[in-house]
Amino acid sequence: MFTVGILTTSDMGARGEREDTSGQTIVGMVTTAGFSVEIREVVPYVHSVIADTLRLWSQKVDLILTTGGTGFGPRDVTPEATLEVLERQAPGLSEYMRAGTAEKTTLSYLSRAIAGTRGSCLIVNLPGSPKGVREGLELLLPLLPHAIETMQGPTQHHPQG
């Protein structure tokens, strides 16, 4: 079973003024898919806080899913904080998510979400809305187990896709 950390970036959520429905959506989807949520937190849109959290968690879990802070707003800094901690980028994951969800809304192309690895942890930025999270994870969840297995060492088989 793979372990997951869920990091929501939201000023209002961090102050307790908004319920973390996007984080709840992630919890439901990843646990249904057989992952174990080990850490979950809501932090403000502060670059250093996001980056420090990603660094720390990447030593504790196999997968970190962020939600929020990927748009064009002046405080949307999740991709920049993520880039700071990544060792290797995985642009195909974000490209696939944007292209796949664009069939439902072309606004998905406004997402600046990124993905990549730090050590043996995969980090993926998701949109901030529950709908965006659900649509993105529906696409990515089938790919994530193989990606994580590959990062952890040689695999015996490659799935047909």
C-alpha atoms as a PDB file:
ATOM      1  CA  MET A   1       0.000   0.000   0.000  1.00  0.00           C
ATOM      2  CA  PHE A   2       1.345   3.398  -0.989  1.00  0.00           C
ATOM      3  CA  THR A   3       1.342   6.272   1.487  1.00  0.00           C
ATOM      4  CA  VAL A   4       0.024   9.724   0.656  1.00  0.00           C
ATOM      5  CA  GLY A   5       0.303  13.244   2.023  1.00  0.00           C
ATOM      6  CA  ILE A   6      -2.381  15.766   1.077  1.00  0.00           C
ATOM      7  CA  LEU A   7      -1.370  19.413   1.207  1.00  0.00           C
ATOM      8  CA  THR A   8      -4.055  22.026   0.646  1.00  0.00           C
ATOM      9  CA  THR A   9      -2.914  25.583   0.029  1.00  0.00           C
ATOM     10  CA  SER A  10      -5.528  28.151   0.984  1.00  0.00           C
ATOM     11  CA  ASP A  11      -5.301  31.333   3.020  1.00  0.00           C
ATOM     12  CA  MET A  12      -8.935  31.055   4.131  1.00  0.00           C
ATOM     13  CA  GLY A  13      -8.635  27.334   4.810  1.00  0.00           C
ATOM     14  CA  ALA A  14      -5.498  27.830   6.899  1.00  0.00           C
ATOM     15  CA  ARG A  15      -7.377  30.402   9.005  1.00  0.00           C
ATOM     16  CA  GLY A  16     -10.305  27.996   9.469  1.00  0.00           C
ATOM     17  CA  GLU A  17     -12.650  30.191   7.417  1.00  0.00           C
ATOM     18  CA  ARG A  18     -13.261  27.634   4.655  1.00  0.00           C
ATOM     19  CA  GLU A  19     -13.792  23.878   4.726  1.00  0.00           C
ATOM     20  CA  ASP A  20     -11.183  21.866   2.822  1.00  0.00           C
ATOM     21  CA  THR A  21     -13.549  20.154   0.387  1.00  0.00           C
ATOM     22  CA  SER A  22     -10.813  19.602  -2.213  1.00  0.00           C
ATOM     23  CA  GLY A  23      -8.646  17.800   0.331  1.00  0.00           C
ATOM     24  CA  GLN A  24     -11.656  15.701   1.338  1.00  0.00           C
ATOM     25  CA  THR A  25     -12.213  14.792  -2.306  1.00  0.00           C
ATOM     26  CA  ILE A  26      -8.611  13.605  -2.566  1.00  0.00           C
ATOM     27  CA  VAL A  27      -8.935  11.534   0.616  1.00  0.00           C
ATOM     28  CA  GLY A  28     -12.015   9.775  -0.721  1.00  0.00           C
ATOM     29  CA  MET A  29     -10.532   9.021  -4.119  1.00  0.00           C
ATOM     30  CA  VAL A  30      -7.098   7.827  -3.016  1.00  0.00           C
ATOM     31  CA  THR A  31      -8.388   5.641  -0.188  1.00  0.00           C
ATOM     32  CA  THR A  32     -10.896   4.042  -2.566  1.00  0.00           C
ATOM     33  CA  ALA A  33      -7.950   3.363  -4.893  1.00  0.00           C
ATOM     34  CA  GLY A  34      -6.062   1.572  -2.091  1.00  0.00           C
ATOM     35  CA  PHE A  35      -3.670   4.313  -0.938  1.00  0.00           C
ATOM     36  CA  SER A  36      -3.162   5.184   2.737  1.00  0.00           C
ATOM     37  CA  VAL A  37      -3.434   8.856   3.706  1.00  0.00           C
ATOM     38  CA  GLU A  38      -0.728   9.428   6.325  1.00  0.00           C
ATOM     39  CA  ILE A  39      -0.525  13.242   6.511  1.00  0.00           C
ATOM     40  CA  ARG A  40      -2.957  16.008   5.692  1.00  0.00           C
ATOM     41  CA  GLU A  41      -2.633  19.724   6.317  1.00  0.00           C
ATOM     42  CA  VAL A  42      -3.928  23.099   5.124  1.00  0.00           C
ATOM     43  CA  VAL A  43      -1.337  25.867   4.802  1.00  0.00           C
ATOM     44  CA  PRO A  44      -1.528  29.468   3.546  1.00  0.00           C
ATOM     45  CA  TYR A  45      -0.227  30.612   0.161  1.00  0.00           C
ATOM     46  CA  VAL A  46       3.274  31.177   1.511  1.00  0.00           C
ATOM     47  CA  HIS A  47       6.073  29.954  -0.746  1.00  0.00           C
ATOM     48  CA  SER A  48       8.474  28.998   2.059  1.00  0.00           C
ATOM     49  CA  VAL A  49       5.791  27.173   4.073  1.00  0.00           C
ATOM     50  CA  ILE A  50       4.714  25.137   1.066  1.00  0.00           C
ATOM     51  CA  ALA A  51       8.302  24.291   0.055  1.00  0.00           C
ATOM     52  CA  ASP A  52       9.341  23.366   3.614  1.00  0.00           C
ATOM     53  CA  THR A  53       6.298  21.121   3.999  1.00  0.00           C
ATOM     54  CA  LEU A  54       7.017  19.352   0.706  1.00  0.00           C
ATOM     55  CA  ARG A  55      10.659  18.792   1.704  1.00  0.00           C
ATOM     56  CA  LEU A  56       9.677  17.293   5.055  1.00  0.00           C
ATOM     57  CA  TRP A  57       6.830  15.139   3.789  1.00  0.00           C
ATOM     58  CA  SER A  58       8.827  13.799   0.834  1.00  0.00           C
ATOM     59  CA  GLN A  59      10.895  11.867   3.389  1.00  0.00           C
ATOM     60  CA  LYS A  60       7.762  10.315   4.929  1.00  0.00           C
ATOM     61  CA  VAL A  61       5.361   9.336   2.119  1.00  0.00           C
ATOM     62  CA  ASP A  62       5.394   7.868  -1.373  1.00  0.00           C
ATOM     63  CA  LEU A  63       3.109  10.469  -2.918  1.00  0.00           C
ATOM     64  CA  ILE A  64       2.218  14.076  -2.121  1.00  0.00           C
ATOM     65  CA  LEU A  65      -0.866  15.557  -3.727  1.00  0.00           C
ATOM     66  CA  THR A  66      -1.301  19.298  -3.408  1.00  0.00           C
ATOM     67  CA  THR A  67      -4.521  21.145  -4.116  1.00  0.00           C
ATOM     68  CA  GLY A  68      -4.843  24.860  -4.659  1.00  0.00           C
ATOM     69  CA  GLY A  69      -2.593  27.722  -5.644  1.00  0.00           C
ATOM     70  CA  THR A  70      -2.055  26.672  -9.273  1.00  0.00           C
ATOM     71  CA  GLY A  71      -3.896  29.495 -11.029  1.00  0.00           C
ATOM     72  CA  PHE A  72      -2.974  32.988 -12.106  1.00  0.00           C
ATOM     73  CA  GLY A  73      -3.797  34.744  -8.834  1.00  0.00           C
ATOM     74  CA  PRO A  74      -1.042  36.843  -7.296  1.00  0.00           C
ATOM     75  CA  ARG A  75      -0.861  34.523  -4.247  1.00  0.00           C
ATOM     76  CA  ASP A  76      -0.951  31.277  -6.283  1.00  0.00           C
ATOM     77  CA  VAL A  77       2.594  30.059  -5.621  1.00  0.00           C
ATOM     78  CA  THR A  78       2.205  26.288  -5.263  1.00  0.00           C
ATOM     79  CA  PRO A  79       3.955  25.463  -8.577  1.00  0.00           C
ATOM     80  CA  GLU A  80       6.905  27.739  -7.765  1.00  0.00           C
ATOM     81  CA  ALA A  81       7.292  26.238  -4.285  1.00  0.00           C
ATOM     82  CA  THR A  82       7.040  22.748  -5.770  1.00  0.00           C
ATOM     83  CA  LEU A  83       9.655  23.514  -8.434  1.00  0.00           C
ATOM     84  CA  GLU A  84      12.023  24.614  -5.688  1.00  0.00           C
ATOM     85  CA  VAL A  85      11.971  21.147  -4.082  1.00  0.00           C
ATOM     86  CA  LEU A  86      11.721  18.858  -7.112  1.00  0.00           C
ATOM     87  CA  GLU A  87      14.785  16.937  -8.233  1.00  0.00           C
ATOM     88  CA  ARG A  88      13.201  15.742 -11.484  1.00  0.00           C
ATOM     89  CA  GLN A  89      10.151  17.059 -13.276  1.00  0.00           C
ATOM     90  CA  ALA A  90       7.447  14.789 -14.714  1.00  0.00           C
ATOM     91  CA  PRO A  91       5.723  17.140 -17.173  1.00  0.00           C
ATOM     92  CA  GLY A  92       3.735  14.371 -18.831  1.00  0.00           C
ATOM     93  CA  LEU A  93       1.522  13.966 -15.775  1.00  0.00           C
ATOM     94  CA  SER A  94       0.478  17.620 -15.727  1.00  0.00           C
ATOM     95  CA  GLU A  95       0.140  17.735 -19.502  1.00  0.00           C
ATOM     96  CA  TYR A  96      -2.087  14.651 -19.452  1.00  0.00           C
ATOM     97  CA  MET A  97      -4.240  16.113 -16.694  1.00  0.00           C
ATOM     98  CA  ARG A  98      -4.676  19.443 -18.514  1.00  0.00           C
ATOM     99  CA  ALA A  99      -5.397  17.841 -21.888  1.00  0.00           C
ATOM    100  CA  GLY A 100      -7.776  15.253 -20.456  1.00  0.00           C
ATOM    101  CA  THR A 101      -9.792  17.727 -18.437  1.00  0.00           C
ATOM    102  CA  ALA A 102      -9.863  20.262 -21.302  1.00  0.00           C
ATOM    103  CA  GLU A 103     -12.522  18.074 -22.898  1.00  0.00           C
ATOM    104  CA  LYS A 104     -14.803  19.270 -20.070  1.00  0.00           C
ATOM    105  CA  THR A 105     -13.498  22.852 -19.766  1.00  0.00           C
ATOM    106  CA  THR A 106     -10.825  24.714 -21.687  1.00  0.00           C
ATOM    107  CA  LEU A 107     -10.125  26.621 -18.457  1.00  0.00           C
ATOM    108  CA  SER A 108      -7.955  23.631 -17.470  1.00  0.00           C
ATOM    109  CA  TYR A 109      -5.261  25.097 -19.710  1.00  0.00           C
ATOM    110  CA  LEU A 110      -4.981  27.985 -17.249  1.00  0.00           C
ATOM    111  CA  SER A 111      -3.639  25.597 -14.603  1.00  0.00           C
ATOM    112  CA  ARG A 112       0.065  25.980 -13.878  1.00  0.00           C
ATOM    113  CA  ALA A 113       0.173  22.661 -11.995  1.00  0.00           C
ATOM    114  CA  ILE A 114       3.389  20.666 -12.178  1.00  0.00           C
ATOM    115  CA  ALA A 115       4.577  17.226 -11.116  1.00  0.00           C
ATOM    116  CA  GLY A 116       7.889  15.600 -10.362  1.00  0.00           C
ATOM    117  CA  THR A 117       9.983  13.673  -7.897  1.00  0.00           C
ATOM    118  CA  ARG A 118      12.045  14.314  -4.820  1.00  0.00           C
ATOM    119  CA  GLY A 119      13.924  11.232  -3.704  1.00  0.00           C
ATOM    120  CA  SER A 120      11.475   8.350  -3.904  1.00  0.00           C
ATOM    121  CA  CYS A 121       8.432  10.604  -3.499  1.00  0.00           C
ATOM    122  CA  LEU A 122       6.190  11.701  -6.348  1.00  0.00           C
ATOM    123  CA  ILE A 123       4.689  15.194  -5.961  1.00  0.00           C
ATOM    124  CA  VAL A 124       1.687  16.266  -8.043  1.00  0.00           C
ATOM    125  CA  ASN A 125      -0.103  19.623  -8.006  1.00  0.00           C
ATOM    126  CA  LEU A 126      -3.868  19.413  -8.474  1.00  0.00           C
ATOM    127  CA  PRO A 127      -6.350  22.235  -9.022  1.00  0.00           C
ATOM    128  CA  GLY A 128      -8.024  23.888  -6.053  1.00  0.00           C
ATOM    129  CA  SER A 129     -11.645  22.998  -6.779  1.00  0.00           C
ATOM    130  CA  PRO A 130     -13.222  19.662  -5.837  1.00  0.00           C
ATOM    131  CA  LYS A 131     -14.393  19.268  -9.458  1.00  0.00           C
ATOM    132  CA  GLY A 132     -10.888  19.912 -10.791  1.00  0.00           C
ATOM    133  CA  VAL A 133      -9.397  17.508  -8.240  1.00  0.00           C
ATOM    134  CA  ARG A 134     -11.882  14.781  -9.140  1.00  0.00           C
ATOM    135  CA  GLU A 135     -11.383  15.144 -12.888  1.00  0.00           C
ATOM    136  CA  GLY A 136      -7.591  15.262 -12.590  1.00  0.00           C
ATOM    137  CA  LEU A 137      -7.343  12.292 -10.246  1.00  0.00           C
ATOM    138  CA  GLU A 138      -9.682  10.199 -12.406  1.00  0.00           C
ATOM    139  CA  LEU A 139      -7.030  10.485 -15.108  1.00  0.00           C
ATOM    140  CA  LEU A 140      -3.922  10.151 -12.935  1.00  0.00           C
ATOM    141  CA  LEU A 141      -4.886   7.453 -10.423  1.00  0.00           C
ATOM    142  CA  PRO A 142      -4.394   4.546 -12.862  1.00  0.00           C
ATOM    143  CA  LEU A 143      -0.841   5.786 -13.590  1.00  0.00           C
ATOM    144  CA  LEU A 144       0.350   6.526 -10.064  1.00  0.00           C
ATOM    145  CA  PRO A 145       0.997   3.000  -8.721  1.00  0.00           C
ATOM    146  CA  HIS A 146       3.331   2.141 -11.584  1.00  0.00           C
ATOM    147  CA  ALA A 147       5.084   5.510 -11.343  1.00  0.00           C
ATOM    148  CA  ILE A 148       5.711   5.026  -7.617  1.00  0.00           C
ATOM    149  CA  GLU A 149       6.780   1.395  -8.025  1.00  0.00           C
ATOM    150  CA  THR A 150       9.288   2.435 -10.691  1.00  0.00           C
ATOM    151  CA  MET A 151      10.735   5.120  -8.415  1.00  0.00           C
ATOM    152  CA  GLN A 152      11.209   2.595  -5.625  1.00  0.00           C
ATOM    153  CA  GLY A 153      13.264   0.175  -7.674  1.00  0.00           C
ATOM    154  CA  PRO A 154      13.215  -2.195 -10.615  1.00  0.00           C
ATOM    155  CA  THR A 155       9.773  -3.400 -11.658  1.00  0.00           C
ATOM    156  CA  GLN A 156       9.115  -6.899 -12.921  1.00  0.00           C
ATOM    157  CA  HIS A 157       6.480  -5.889 -15.436  1.00  0.00           C
ATOM    158  CA  HIS A 158       5.220  -2.904 -17.353  1.00  0.00           C
ATOM    159  CA  PRO A 159       1.468  -2.486 -17.591  1.00  0.00           C
ATOM    160  CA  GLN A 160      -0.087  -2.524 -21.029  1.00  0.00           C
ATOM    161  CA  GLY A 161      -1.618   0.841 -21.794  1.00  0.00           C
END
